[in-house]
Amino acid sequence: SRKGTKDFVTAADLRTEKILKEELSKARPSFSFLIEKSGETVGTDPNRRWIVDPINGTTNFMHGIPHFAISIALQEHGDLIAAVVYNPVLNDLFLAEKGQGATLNNRRLRVSGREQLADCVLATGIPHEGHAEQLQSVISTVAGVRQFGSTSLDLAFVAAGRVDGFWESSLSICDVAAGILLVRESGGFVTDIGGKGNGLEDSSILAANTHIHRPLASLLTKKPGFRHSSS
């Protein structure tokens, strides 16, 4: 079936959601849920909730492109404290715990150390309103831009140093929650595209290492005084 423009719902989405909700409820029966397709369910403990996207990258999944993930974050009193992003095709398991770092298949993660935008490869989601202007500015400045089609894996790739940064607009909390904690626990910085907020409940997200985050925010918003040569 199809739900809205480019918002696909598959039997796999619904089945995965059912399994995840059942198993997480067994482990923590009092916790609340916020799930991509079905919305919020308030448990007896409203201060702790699972934020779940059963298949992040559904369009890739439907077309047989092996780049999609299960995304789960745990929020406590508004803070993200644990995260899982799992690509079942590659058996890549990204994990993060607040204050304890992040790992990929038990290997510690760290964001890239590149300091010059000209050396960086970035990821983004296409399209969204105003994206063409941003993309044109970025492409002329950086080494490359990629669109992979799974926000949670884009953020996981930032955490792993596979790409140097990621930006997108019009995302849901379920798309970004787990990935945000992965980036933070790997030494990265997450805000909205303008360089403010925390990226979780904002209208946009920008994730990068601390060296390029500010110049990239300036480039995306075309702030006065930003010079391409300084990047």
N, C-alpha and C. Protein backbone atom coordinates (compact mmCIF):
# COMPACT_ATOMS: atom_id res chain seq x y z
N SER A 1 0.84 -1.19 0.00
CA SER A 1 0.00 0.00 0.00
C SER A 1 0.87 1.23 0.00
N ARG A 2 0.24 2.37 -0.21
CA ARG A 2 0.99 3.62 -0.27
C ARG A 2 0.33 4.65 0.62
N LYS A 3 1.13 5.32 1.42
CA LYS A 3 0.60 6.30 2.37
C LYS A 3 1.29 7.64 2.12
N GLY A 4 0.64 8.50 1.35
CA GLY A 4 1.22 9.79 1.07
C GLY A 4 2.28 9.73 -0.02
N THR A 5 2.75 10.88 -0.43
CA THR A 5 3.75 10.97 -1.48
C THR A 5 5.08 10.39 -1.02
N LYS A 6 5.56 9.41 -1.76
CA LYS A 6 6.84 8.76 -1.49
C LYS A 6 6.95 8.20 -0.07
N ASP A 7 5.85 7.93 0.54
CA ASP A 7 5.86 7.36 1.89
C ASP A 7 5.22 5.98 1.80
N PHE A 8 6.04 5.00 1.61
CA PHE A 8 5.55 3.65 1.36
C PHE A 8 5.42 2.85 2.66
N VAL A 9 4.38 2.07 2.68
CA VAL A 9 4.18 1.17 3.81
C VAL A 9 4.11 -0.25 3.25
N THR A 10 4.97 -1.11 3.71
CA THR A 10 4.99 -2.48 3.22
C THR A 10 4.60 -3.44 4.32
N ALA A 11 4.28 -4.65 3.90
CA ALA A 11 3.99 -5.70 4.88
C ALA A 11 5.18 -5.92 5.80
N ALA A 12 6.37 -5.76 5.26
CA ALA A 12 7.58 -5.94 6.07
C ALA A 12 7.68 -4.87 7.15
N ASP A 13 7.35 -3.62 6.81
CA ASP A 13 7.32 -2.56 7.81
C ASP A 13 6.42 -2.93 8.98
N LEU A 14 5.21 -3.34 8.64
CA LEU A 14 4.21 -3.62 9.68
C LEU A 14 4.60 -4.84 10.50
N ARG A 15 5.14 -5.86 9.84
CA ARG A 15 5.55 -7.07 10.56
C ARG A 15 6.74 -6.77 11.47
N THR A 16 7.70 -6.02 10.96
CA THR A 16 8.87 -5.66 11.76
C THR A 16 8.47 -4.83 12.97
N GLU A 17 7.56 -3.88 12.75
CA GLU A 17 7.07 -3.07 13.86
C GLU A 17 6.43 -3.94 14.93
N LYS A 18 5.62 -4.89 14.52
CA LYS A 18 4.94 -5.77 15.48
C LYS A 18 5.94 -6.57 16.31
N ILE A 19 6.95 -7.12 15.65
CA ILE A 19 7.95 -7.93 16.35
C ILE A 19 8.74 -7.06 17.33
N LEU A 20 9.19 -5.91 16.87
CA LEU A 20 9.98 -5.04 17.73
C LEU A 20 9.19 -4.58 18.95
N LYS A 21 7.94 -4.21 18.73
CA LYS A 21 7.13 -3.74 19.85
C LYS A 21 6.88 -4.86 20.85
N GLU A 22 6.61 -6.05 20.34
CA GLU A 22 6.39 -7.19 21.24
C GLU A 22 7.64 -7.50 22.06
N GLU A 23 8.80 -7.55 21.42
CA GLU A 23 10.02 -7.94 22.12
C GLU A 23 10.49 -6.85 23.09
N LEU A 24 10.40 -5.60 22.68
CA LEU A 24 10.80 -4.52 23.58
C LEU A 24 9.85 -4.41 24.77
N SER A 25 8.58 -4.71 24.55
CA SER A 25 7.60 -4.69 25.65
C SER A 25 7.87 -5.81 26.64
N LYS A 26 8.34 -6.94 26.14
CA LYS A 26 8.71 -8.03 27.05
C LYS A 26 9.87 -7.61 27.95
N ALA A 27 10.84 -6.91 27.36
CA ALA A 27 12.03 -6.51 28.11
C ALA A 27 11.73 -5.38 29.08
N ARG A 28 10.92 -4.42 28.63
CA ARG A 28 10.59 -3.25 29.46
C ARG A 28 9.10 -2.95 29.29
N PRO A 29 8.25 -3.68 30.01
CA PRO A 29 6.81 -3.57 29.80
C PRO A 29 6.20 -2.21 30.13
N SER A 30 6.89 -1.40 30.93
CA SER A 30 6.32 -0.12 31.34
C SER A 30 6.67 1.03 30.39
N PHE A 31 7.63 0.82 29.49
CA PHE A 31 8.13 1.91 28.66
C PHE A 31 7.12 2.31 27.58
N SER A 32 7.18 3.58 27.20
CA SER A 32 6.34 4.11 26.12
C SER A 32 7.00 3.87 24.77
N PHE A 33 6.24 4.12 23.69
CA PHE A 33 6.74 3.94 22.33
C PHE A 33 6.42 5.15 21.47
N LEU A 34 7.34 5.49 20.58
CA LEU A 34 7.07 6.37 19.46
C LEU A 34 7.59 5.64 18.23
N ILE A 35 6.67 5.21 17.37
CA ILE A 35 7.03 4.38 16.21
C ILE A 35 6.67 5.12 14.93
N GLU A 36 7.53 5.01 13.94
CA GLU A 36 7.42 5.78 12.71
C GLU A 36 6.03 5.75 12.10
N LYS A 37 5.46 4.58 11.92
CA LYS A 37 4.19 4.49 11.22
C LYS A 37 2.98 4.62 12.13
N SER A 38 3.04 4.03 13.32
CA SER A 38 1.84 3.95 14.16
C SER A 38 1.74 5.05 15.21
N GLY A 39 2.80 5.85 15.38
CA GLY A 39 2.73 6.96 16.30
C GLY A 39 3.10 6.60 17.73
N GLU A 40 2.55 7.34 18.69
CA GLU A 40 2.96 7.22 20.08
C GLU A 40 2.00 6.38 20.89
N THR A 41 2.57 5.54 21.75
CA THR A 41 1.82 4.76 22.73
C THR A 41 2.42 5.07 24.10
N VAL A 42 1.64 5.64 24.99
CA VAL A 42 2.14 6.01 26.31
C VAL A 42 1.98 4.85 27.27
N GLY A 43 3.09 4.40 27.85
CA GLY A 43 3.07 3.31 28.81
C GLY A 43 2.88 3.81 30.22
N THR A 44 3.02 2.92 31.17
CA THR A 44 2.89 3.32 32.58
C THR A 44 4.10 4.15 33.03
N ASP A 45 5.18 4.10 32.27
CA ASP A 45 6.34 4.94 32.53
C ASP A 45 6.50 5.93 31.37
N PRO A 46 5.88 7.11 31.45
CA PRO A 46 5.93 8.06 30.34
C PRO A 46 7.28 8.75 30.19
N ASN A 47 8.17 8.58 31.16
CA ASN A 47 9.48 9.23 31.12
C ASN A 47 10.53 8.44 30.36
N ARG A 48 10.18 7.23 29.98
CA ARG A 48 11.10 6.40 29.20
C ARG A 48 10.35 5.86 27.99
N ARG A 49 10.91 6.10 26.81
CA ARG A 49 10.23 5.62 25.62
C ARG A 49 11.22 5.15 24.56
N TRP A 50 10.78 4.14 23.85
CA TRP A 50 11.50 3.65 22.67
C TRP A 50 11.09 4.50 21.48
N ILE A 51 12.07 4.93 20.69
CA ILE A 51 11.82 5.64 19.44
C ILE A 51 12.27 4.73 18.31
N VAL A 52 11.31 4.27 17.50
CA VAL A 52 11.58 3.15 16.59
C VAL A 52 11.21 3.50 15.15
N ASP A 53 12.10 3.17 14.24
CA ASP A 53 11.78 3.13 12.81
C ASP A 53 12.04 1.70 12.36
N PRO A 54 10.99 0.92 12.12
CA PRO A 54 11.17 -0.51 11.82
C PRO A 54 12.02 -0.78 10.59
N ILE A 55 11.81 -0.02 9.52
CA ILE A 55 12.66 -0.11 8.34
C ILE A 55 12.95 1.31 7.87
N ASN A 56 14.13 1.79 8.17
CA ASN A 56 14.54 3.11 7.72
C ASN A 56 15.25 2.95 6.38
N GLY A 57 14.61 3.46 5.34
CA GLY A 57 15.08 3.20 3.98
C GLY A 57 14.15 2.24 3.27
N THR A 58 12.84 2.43 3.49
CA THR A 58 11.84 1.51 2.94
C THR A 58 11.88 1.45 1.43
N THR A 59 12.10 2.59 0.77
CA THR A 59 12.15 2.58 -0.69
C THR A 59 13.31 1.74 -1.20
N ASN A 60 14.47 1.83 -0.54
CA ASN A 60 15.59 0.95 -0.89
C ASN A 60 15.18 -0.51 -0.73
N PHE A 61 14.55 -0.80 0.40
CA PHE A 61 14.12 -2.18 0.67
C PHE A 61 13.19 -2.70 -0.42
N MET A 62 12.23 -1.88 -0.81
CA MET A 62 11.25 -2.29 -1.81
C MET A 62 11.88 -2.55 -3.18
N HIS A 63 12.97 -1.85 -3.47
CA HIS A 63 13.64 -2.00 -4.76
C HIS A 63 14.81 -2.98 -4.72
N GLY A 64 14.99 -3.64 -3.59
CA GLY A 64 16.06 -4.61 -3.50
C GLY A 64 17.43 -4.00 -3.34
N ILE A 65 17.49 -2.75 -2.93
CA ILE A 65 18.78 -2.10 -2.68
C ILE A 65 19.19 -2.41 -1.25
N PRO A 66 20.32 -3.06 -1.03
CA PRO A 66 20.67 -3.58 0.30
C PRO A 66 21.21 -2.51 1.24
N HIS A 67 20.48 -1.42 1.38
CA HIS A 67 20.91 -0.34 2.25
C HIS A 67 19.70 0.20 2.99
N PHE A 68 19.37 -0.43 4.09
CA PHE A 68 18.27 -0.02 4.96
C PHE A 68 18.57 -0.54 6.35
N ALA A 69 17.83 -0.07 7.34
CA ALA A 69 18.19 -0.44 8.70
C ALA A 69 17.00 -0.40 9.64
N ILE A 70 17.12 -1.13 10.72
CA ILE A 70 16.24 -1.00 11.87
C ILE A 70 16.87 0.03 12.79
N SER A 71 16.08 1.02 13.21
CA SER A 71 16.60 2.09 14.05
C SER A 71 15.80 2.16 15.35
N ILE A 72 16.51 2.03 16.48
CA ILE A 72 15.87 2.06 17.80
C ILE A 72 16.68 2.96 18.72
N ALA A 73 16.01 3.89 19.37
CA ALA A 73 16.66 4.71 20.39
C ALA A 73 15.85 4.63 21.67
N LEU A 74 16.51 4.81 22.79
CA LEU A 74 15.84 4.86 24.09
C LEU A 74 16.03 6.25 24.66
N GLN A 75 14.90 6.86 25.01
CA GLN A 75 14.90 8.21 25.56
C GLN A 75 14.44 8.17 27.01
N GLU A 76 15.17 8.86 27.88
CA GLU A 76 14.84 8.91 29.30
C GLU A 76 14.78 10.36 29.75
N HIS A 77 13.61 10.78 30.23
CA HIS A 77 13.41 12.17 30.63
C HIS A 77 13.88 13.13 29.55
N GLY A 78 13.62 12.79 28.30
CA GLY A 78 13.96 13.65 27.17
C GLY A 78 15.35 13.47 26.61
N ASP A 79 16.23 12.74 27.33
CA ASP A 79 17.60 12.54 26.87
C ASP A 79 17.74 11.20 26.15
N LEU A 80 18.49 11.18 25.07
CA LEU A 80 18.80 9.94 24.39
C LEU A 80 19.89 9.22 25.17
N ILE A 81 19.63 7.97 25.56
CA ILE A 81 20.60 7.26 26.40
C ILE A 81 21.12 5.97 25.77
N ALA A 82 20.45 5.45 24.75
CA ALA A 82 20.91 4.24 24.09
C ALA A 82 20.39 4.20 22.67
N ALA A 83 21.13 3.54 21.78
CA ALA A 83 20.74 3.50 20.38
C ALA A 83 21.25 2.25 19.68
N VAL A 84 20.45 1.79 18.73
CA VAL A 84 20.81 0.68 17.85
C VAL A 84 20.43 1.05 16.43
N VAL A 85 21.35 0.90 15.50
CA VAL A 85 21.06 0.96 14.07
C VAL A 85 21.63 -0.32 13.46
N TYR A 86 20.76 -1.12 12.86
CA TYR A 86 21.17 -2.44 12.38
C TYR A 86 20.83 -2.63 10.92
N ASN A 87 21.85 -2.87 10.11
CA ASN A 87 21.66 -3.23 8.71
C ASN A 87 21.66 -4.75 8.61
N PRO A 88 20.49 -5.38 8.42
CA PRO A 88 20.42 -6.83 8.45
C PRO A 88 21.08 -7.50 7.24
N VAL A 89 21.22 -6.77 6.14
CA VAL A 89 21.83 -7.37 4.95
C VAL A 89 23.33 -7.59 5.17
N LEU A 90 24.00 -6.60 5.71
CA LEU A 90 25.44 -6.68 5.96
C LEU A 90 25.77 -7.17 7.36
N ASN A 91 24.74 -7.35 8.18
CA ASN A 91 24.92 -7.73 9.59
C ASN A 91 25.79 -6.70 10.32
N ASP A 92 25.59 -5.43 9.98
CA ASP A 92 26.30 -4.35 10.64
C ASP A 92 25.45 -3.83 11.80
N LEU A 93 25.99 -3.93 13.00
CA LEU A 93 25.28 -3.52 14.21
C LEU A 93 25.99 -2.33 14.84
N PHE A 94 25.37 -1.16 14.71
CA PHE A 94 25.87 0.07 15.33
C PHE A 94 25.18 0.23 16.69
N LEU A 95 25.97 0.44 17.73
CA LEU A 95 25.44 0.60 19.08
C LEU A 95 26.01 1.85 19.73
N ALA A 96 25.21 2.49 20.56
CA ALA A 96 25.70 3.63 21.34
C ALA A 96 25.01 3.67 22.68
N GLU A 97 25.74 4.09 23.70
CA GLU A 97 25.19 4.31 25.02
C GLU A 97 25.73 5.63 25.54
N LYS A 98 24.88 6.45 26.09
CA LYS A 98 25.28 7.77 26.54
C LYS A 98 26.45 7.67 27.52
N GLY A 99 27.51 8.38 27.20
CA GLY A 99 28.69 8.40 28.05
C GLY A 99 29.61 7.22 27.92
N GLN A 100 29.22 6.24 27.07
CA GLN A 100 30.01 5.01 26.94
C GLN A 100 30.57 4.80 25.54
N GLY A 101 30.33 5.74 24.64
CA GLY A 101 30.86 5.61 23.29
C GLY A 101 29.94 4.84 22.36
N ALA A 102 30.43 4.62 21.14
CA ALA A 102 29.67 3.92 20.12
C ALA A 102 30.56 2.89 19.44
N THR A 103 29.91 1.84 18.94
CA THR A 103 30.66 0.76 18.30
C THR A 103 29.96 0.29 17.03
N LEU A 104 30.73 -0.35 16.16
CA LEU A 104 30.21 -1.09 15.01
C LEU A 104 30.76 -2.49 15.10
N ASN A 105 29.88 -3.46 15.34
CA ASN A 105 30.29 -4.85 15.50
C ASN A 105 31.45 -4.97 16.49
N ASN A 106 31.27 -4.29 17.63
CA ASN A 106 32.20 -4.32 18.76
C ASN A 106 33.50 -3.55 18.52
N ARG A 107 33.59 -2.81 17.43
CA ARG A 107 34.76 -1.96 17.18
C ARG A 107 34.39 -0.51 17.48
N ARG A 108 35.22 0.16 18.24
CA ARG A 108 34.94 1.53 18.67
C ARG A 108 34.88 2.48 17.47
N LEU A 109 33.92 3.39 17.47
CA LEU A 109 33.74 4.33 16.38
C LEU A 109 34.28 5.71 16.74
N ARG A 110 34.72 6.41 15.69
CA ARG A 110 35.16 7.79 15.83
C ARG A 110 34.87 8.53 14.54
N VAL A 111 34.32 9.74 14.66
CA VAL A 111 34.06 10.54 13.47
C VAL A 111 35.38 10.87 12.77
N SER A 112 35.31 11.28 11.52
CA SER A 112 36.52 11.59 10.76
C SER A 112 37.22 12.81 11.37
N GLY A 113 38.49 12.94 11.04
CA GLY A 113 39.26 14.06 11.55
C GLY A 113 39.55 15.12 10.49
N ARG A 114 38.91 15.05 9.35
CA ARG A 114 39.20 16.00 8.28
C ARG A 114 38.80 17.41 8.69
N GLU A 115 39.64 18.36 8.34
CA GLU A 115 39.44 19.73 8.77
C GLU A 115 39.06 20.67 7.65
N GLN A 116 39.26 20.27 6.41
CA GLN A 116 38.97 21.13 5.27
C GLN A 116 37.77 20.60 4.50
N LEU A 117 36.79 21.47 4.24
CA LEU A 117 35.61 21.05 3.48
C LEU A 117 35.99 20.50 2.11
N ALA A 118 37.02 21.04 1.53
CA ALA A 118 37.44 20.59 0.20
C ALA A 118 37.85 19.12 0.17
N ASP A 119 38.20 18.57 1.32
CA ASP A 119 38.62 17.17 1.41
C ASP A 119 37.48 16.23 1.79
N CYS A 120 36.30 16.78 2.06
CA CYS A 120 35.23 16.01 2.69
C CYS A 120 34.23 15.42 1.69
N VAL A 121 33.71 14.26 2.05
CA VAL A 121 32.56 13.66 1.37
C VAL A 121 31.38 13.72 2.33
N LEU A 122 30.26 14.27 1.85
CA LEU A 122 29.08 14.44 2.68
C LEU A 122 27.94 13.59 2.18
N ALA A 123 26.99 13.32 3.05
CA ALA A 123 25.76 12.62 2.68
C ALA A 123 24.58 13.56 2.89
N THR A 124 23.53 13.35 2.11
CA THR A 124 22.32 14.16 2.25
C THR A 124 21.13 13.36 1.76
N GLY A 125 19.95 13.89 2.04
CA GLY A 125 18.72 13.31 1.51
C GLY A 125 18.15 14.23 0.46
N ILE A 126 17.66 13.68 -0.64
CA ILE A 126 17.14 14.48 -1.75
C ILE A 126 15.77 13.94 -2.11
N PRO A 127 14.76 14.78 -2.41
CA PRO A 127 14.85 16.24 -2.33
C PRO A 127 14.15 16.75 -1.09
N HIS A 128 14.37 18.02 -0.79
CA HIS A 128 13.51 18.76 0.12
C HIS A 128 13.53 20.22 -0.29
N GLU A 129 12.60 20.99 0.22
CA GLU A 129 12.46 22.38 -0.19
C GLU A 129 13.74 23.16 0.08
N GLY A 130 14.21 23.86 -0.94
CA GLY A 130 15.41 24.65 -0.80
C GLY A 130 16.69 23.85 -0.96
N HIS A 131 16.57 22.57 -1.23
CA HIS A 131 17.74 21.71 -1.27
C HIS A 131 18.64 21.98 -2.47
N ALA A 132 18.05 22.37 -3.60
CA ALA A 132 18.83 22.59 -4.82
C ALA A 132 19.89 23.65 -4.61
N GLU A 133 19.53 24.75 -3.94
CA GLU A 133 20.49 25.81 -3.70
C GLU A 133 21.59 25.34 -2.76
N GLN A 134 21.20 24.62 -1.71
CA GLN A 134 22.19 24.09 -0.78
C GLN A 134 23.14 23.14 -1.50
N LEU A 135 22.58 22.25 -2.29
CA LEU A 135 23.38 21.24 -2.97
C LEU A 135 24.38 21.88 -3.92
N GLN A 136 23.94 22.89 -4.64
CA GLN A 136 24.84 23.58 -5.57
C GLN A 136 26.02 24.20 -4.83
N SER A 137 25.74 24.84 -3.69
CA SER A 137 26.81 25.45 -2.90
C SER A 137 27.78 24.41 -2.37
N VAL A 138 27.24 23.30 -1.89
CA VAL A 138 28.08 22.27 -1.28
C VAL A 138 28.91 21.55 -2.33
N ILE A 139 28.30 21.17 -3.44
CA ILE A 139 29.02 20.41 -4.47
C ILE A 139 30.23 21.17 -4.99
N SER A 140 30.10 22.49 -5.09
CA SER A 140 31.21 23.29 -5.60
C SER A 140 32.33 23.48 -4.58
N THR A 141 32.10 23.01 -3.34
CA THR A 141 33.06 23.25 -2.26
C THR A 141 33.73 21.97 -1.77
N VAL A 142 33.00 20.85 -1.72
CA VAL A 142 33.52 19.63 -1.10
C VAL A 142 33.99 18.62 -2.15
N ALA A 143 34.56 17.52 -1.67
CA ALA A 143 35.08 16.50 -2.58
C ALA A 143 33.97 15.67 -3.21
N GLY A 144 32.84 15.53 -2.52
CA GLY A 144 31.75 14.73 -3.06
C GLY A 144 30.53 14.75 -2.17
N VAL A 145 29.37 14.48 -2.76
CA VAL A 145 28.11 14.38 -2.03
C VAL A 145 27.44 13.08 -2.43
N ARG A 146 26.92 12.36 -1.46
CA ARG A 146 26.26 11.07 -1.70
C ARG A 146 24.84 11.08 -1.14
N GLN A 147 23.94 10.39 -1.82
CA GLN A 147 22.60 10.15 -1.29
C GLN A 147 22.38 8.65 -1.24
N PHE A 148 22.29 8.11 -0.02
CA PHE A 148 22.20 6.67 0.17
C PHE A 148 20.76 6.18 0.38
N GLY A 149 19.88 7.03 0.91
CA GLY A 149 18.49 6.65 1.04
C GLY A 149 18.08 6.08 2.38
N SER A 150 18.94 6.19 3.40
CA SER A 150 18.59 5.74 4.74
C SER A 150 19.22 6.69 5.75
N THR A 151 18.41 7.53 6.37
CA THR A 151 18.92 8.55 7.28
C THR A 151 19.68 7.96 8.46
N SER A 152 19.15 6.90 9.03
CA SER A 152 19.81 6.31 10.19
C SER A 152 21.20 5.80 9.83
N LEU A 153 21.35 5.22 8.64
CA LEU A 153 22.67 4.75 8.21
C LEU A 153 23.57 5.91 7.80
N ASP A 154 22.99 6.98 7.26
CA ASP A 154 23.79 8.18 6.97
C ASP A 154 24.45 8.68 8.25
N LEU A 155 23.68 8.78 9.32
CA LEU A 155 24.22 9.25 10.59
C LEU A 155 25.21 8.24 11.17
N ALA A 156 24.93 6.96 11.01
CA ALA A 156 25.88 5.93 11.46
C ALA A 156 27.19 6.04 10.69
N PHE A 157 27.11 6.37 9.40
CA PHE A 157 28.31 6.54 8.59
C PHE A 157 29.12 7.75 9.05
N VAL A 158 28.45 8.81 9.49
CA VAL A 158 29.17 9.94 10.07
C VAL A 158 29.90 9.49 11.33
N ALA A 159 29.20 8.73 12.17
CA ALA A 159 29.81 8.23 13.40
C ALA A 159 31.03 7.35 13.12
N ALA A 160 30.98 6.60 12.03
CA ALA A 160 32.06 5.68 11.69
C ALA A 160 33.16 6.35 10.88
N GLY A 161 32.99 7.62 10.52
CA GLY A 161 33.99 8.30 9.71
C GLY A 161 33.96 7.93 8.25
N ARG A 162 32.91 7.24 7.81
CA ARG A 162 32.80 6.86 6.40
C ARG A 162 32.42 8.06 5.54
N VAL A 163 31.60 8.94 6.08
CA VAL A 163 31.37 10.27 5.48
C VAL A 163 31.67 11.30 6.56
N ASP A 164 31.96 12.51 6.12
CA ASP A 164 32.41 13.53 7.06
C ASP A 164 31.27 14.34 7.64
N GLY A 165 30.11 14.31 6.99
CA GLY A 165 28.97 15.05 7.50
C GLY A 165 27.70 14.66 6.78
N PHE A 166 26.58 15.06 7.36
CA PHE A 166 25.26 14.75 6.79
C PHE A 166 24.32 15.90 7.10
N TRP A 167 23.47 16.25 6.12
CA TRP A 167 22.42 17.25 6.38
C TRP A 167 21.15 16.87 5.64
N GLU A 168 20.03 17.25 6.22
CA GLU A 168 18.73 17.04 5.59
C GLU A 168 17.66 17.81 6.36
N SER A 169 16.53 18.03 5.71
CA SER A 169 15.39 18.70 6.34
C SER A 169 14.17 17.80 6.28
N SER A 170 13.14 18.19 7.05
CA SER A 170 11.83 17.52 7.02
C SER A 170 11.92 16.05 7.39
N LEU A 171 12.65 15.76 8.45
CA LEU A 171 12.78 14.40 8.95
C LEU A 171 11.96 14.24 10.23
N SER A 172 11.59 13.00 10.54
CA SER A 172 10.89 12.72 11.79
C SER A 172 11.89 12.34 12.87
N ILE A 173 11.44 12.41 14.11
CA ILE A 173 12.29 12.00 15.24
C ILE A 173 12.73 10.56 15.08
N CYS A 174 11.84 9.72 14.58
CA CYS A 174 12.17 8.31 14.41
C CYS A 174 13.30 8.09 13.41
N ASP A 175 13.41 8.98 12.42
CA ASP A 175 14.49 8.88 11.44
C ASP A 175 15.86 9.12 12.06
N VAL A 176 15.93 10.04 13.01
CA VAL A 176 17.23 10.57 13.44
C VAL A 176 17.66 10.20 14.85
N ALA A 177 16.74 9.77 15.72
CA ALA A 177 17.06 9.64 17.15
C ALA A 177 18.27 8.75 17.41
N ALA A 178 18.25 7.53 16.89
CA ALA A 178 19.37 6.61 17.15
C ALA A 178 20.67 7.13 16.54
N GLY A 179 20.59 7.66 15.34
CA GLY A 179 21.79 8.16 14.67
C GLY A 179 22.42 9.35 15.38
N ILE A 180 21.58 10.20 15.97
CA ILE A 180 22.11 11.34 16.71
C ILE A 180 23.02 10.89 17.85
N LEU A 181 22.56 9.91 18.62
CA LEU A 181 23.39 9.44 19.73
C LEU A 181 24.66 8.76 19.23
N LEU A 182 24.58 8.04 18.12
CA LEU A 182 25.79 7.43 17.54
C LEU A 182 26.82 8.50 17.21
N VAL A 183 26.38 9.58 16.58
CA VAL A 183 27.32 10.64 16.21
C VAL A 183 27.90 11.30 17.45
N ARG A 184 27.04 11.63 18.41
CA ARG A 184 27.54 12.27 19.64
C ARG A 184 28.56 11.41 20.35
N GLU A 185 28.26 10.13 20.47
CA GLU A 185 29.15 9.23 21.21
C GLU A 185 30.41 8.87 20.43
N SER A 186 30.46 9.30 19.17
CA SER A 186 31.67 9.10 18.35
C SER A 186 32.47 10.38 18.23
N GLY A 187 32.10 11.40 18.99
CA GLY A 187 32.84 12.64 19.01
C GLY A 187 32.36 13.68 18.03
N GLY A 188 31.19 13.46 17.42
CA GLY A 188 30.65 14.41 16.46
C GLY A 188 29.71 15.41 17.10
N PHE A 189 29.20 16.31 16.27
CA PHE A 189 28.36 17.42 16.72
C PHE A 189 27.09 17.41 15.89
N VAL A 190 25.93 17.54 16.55
CA VAL A 190 24.64 17.50 15.86
C VAL A 190 23.81 18.71 16.25
N THR A 191 23.31 19.43 15.23
CA THR A 191 22.42 20.57 15.44
C THR A 191 21.41 20.59 14.29
N ASP A 192 20.65 21.69 14.19
CA ASP A 192 19.89 21.90 12.97
C ASP A 192 20.84 22.48 11.92
N ILE A 193 20.34 22.70 10.70
CA ILE A 193 21.21 23.16 9.63
C ILE A 193 21.82 24.53 9.93
N GLY A 194 21.13 25.32 10.71
CA GLY A 194 21.65 26.63 11.07
C GLY A 194 22.69 26.61 12.18
N GLY A 195 22.98 25.43 12.72
CA GLY A 195 23.97 25.32 13.79
C GLY A 195 23.41 25.49 15.18
N LYS A 196 22.08 25.43 15.32
CA LYS A 196 21.44 25.59 16.62
C LYS A 196 20.65 24.33 16.97
N GLY A 197 20.12 24.27 18.18
CA GLY A 197 19.29 23.14 18.60
C GLY A 197 20.10 21.87 18.74
N ASN A 198 19.38 20.75 18.84
CA ASN A 198 20.06 19.46 19.02
C ASN A 198 19.78 18.48 17.90
N GLY A 199 19.02 18.91 16.89
CA GLY A 199 18.75 18.04 15.74
C GLY A 199 17.64 17.04 15.93
N LEU A 200 17.18 16.87 17.18
CA LEU A 200 16.19 15.83 17.45
C LEU A 200 14.78 16.29 17.13
N GLU A 201 14.43 17.46 17.58
CA GLU A 201 13.08 17.96 17.37
C GLU A 201 13.07 19.23 16.53
N ASP A 202 14.13 19.43 15.77
CA ASP A 202 14.22 20.58 14.89
C ASP A 202 13.67 20.22 13.51
N SER A 203 13.54 21.24 12.66
CA SER A 203 13.01 21.00 11.31
C SER A 203 14.08 20.51 10.35
N SER A 204 15.33 20.47 10.81
CA SER A 204 16.42 20.01 9.97
C SER A 204 17.51 19.42 10.86
N ILE A 205 18.52 18.80 10.21
CA ILE A 205 19.62 18.23 10.98
C ILE A 205 20.92 18.41 10.22
N LEU A 206 21.97 18.67 10.98
CA LEU A 206 23.33 18.74 10.45
C LEU A 206 24.24 18.01 11.43
N ALA A 207 24.93 17.00 10.94
CA ALA A 207 25.84 16.21 11.77
C ALA A 207 27.21 16.18 11.10
N ALA A 208 28.25 16.44 11.86
CA ALA A 208 29.60 16.47 11.31
C ALA A 208 30.61 16.44 12.45
N ASN A 209 31.90 16.33 12.08
CA ASN A 209 32.91 16.46 13.11
C ASN A 209 33.02 17.93 13.53
N THR A 210 33.72 18.18 14.60
CA THR A 210 33.76 19.54 15.16
C THR A 210 34.53 20.51 14.27
N HIS A 211 35.41 20.00 13.40
CA HIS A 211 36.21 20.88 12.54
C HIS A 211 35.35 21.52 11.44
N ILE A 212 34.49 20.73 10.82
CA ILE A 212 33.77 21.25 9.64
C ILE A 212 32.34 21.65 9.94
N HIS A 213 31.86 21.38 11.15
CA HIS A 213 30.45 21.63 11.44
C HIS A 213 30.07 23.09 11.24
N ARG A 214 30.83 23.98 11.81
CA ARG A 214 30.48 25.41 11.71
C ARG A 214 30.61 25.94 10.28
N PRO A 215 31.72 25.69 9.58
CA PRO A 215 31.78 26.15 8.19
C PRO A 215 30.73 25.52 7.29
N LEU A 216 30.36 24.28 7.57
CA LEU A 216 29.32 23.63 6.77
C LEU A 216 27.96 24.28 7.04
N ALA A 217 27.67 24.58 8.30
CA ALA A 217 26.42 25.29 8.63
C ALA A 217 26.38 26.65 7.94
N SER A 218 27.52 27.34 7.93
CA SER A 218 27.58 28.64 7.26
C SER A 218 27.36 28.50 5.77
N LEU A 219 27.92 27.47 5.18
CA LEU A 219 27.75 27.24 3.76
C LEU A 219 26.30 26.93 3.41
N LEU A 220 25.67 26.11 4.21
CA LEU A 220 24.29 25.70 3.94
C LEU A 220 23.30 26.84 4.12
N THR A 221 23.60 27.74 5.04
CA THR A 221 22.69 28.86 5.29
C THR A 221 23.17 30.16 4.67
N LYS A 222 24.34 30.09 4.03
CA LYS A 222 24.91 31.26 3.34
C LYS A 222 24.99 32.46 4.27
N LYS A 223 25.54 32.22 5.47
CA LYS A 223 25.67 33.31 6.44
C LYS A 223 26.67 34.34 5.93
N PRO A 224 26.40 35.62 6.17
CA PRO A 224 27.31 36.68 5.74
C PRO A 224 28.70 36.49 6.36
N GLY A 225 29.72 36.75 5.54
CA GLY A 225 31.08 36.68 6.07
C GLY A 225 31.75 35.34 5.86
N PHE A 226 30.98 34.33 5.44
CA PHE A 226 31.60 33.03 5.20
C PHE A 226 32.34 33.06 3.87
N ARG A 227 33.59 32.65 3.87
CA ARG A 227 34.39 32.64 2.65
C ARG A 227 34.76 31.21 2.32
N HIS A 228 34.52 30.80 1.08
CA HIS A 228 34.83 29.43 0.68
C HIS A 228 36.32 29.13 0.88
N SER A 229 37.16 30.13 0.69
CA SER A 229 38.60 29.88 0.80
C SER A 229 39.01 29.51 2.21
N SER A 230 38.20 29.88 3.22
CA SER A 230 38.55 29.57 4.61
C SER A 230 38.20 28.16 4.99
N SER A 231 37.47 27.44 4.11
CA SER A 231 37.08 26.08 4.42
C SER A 231 38.17 25.11 4.06
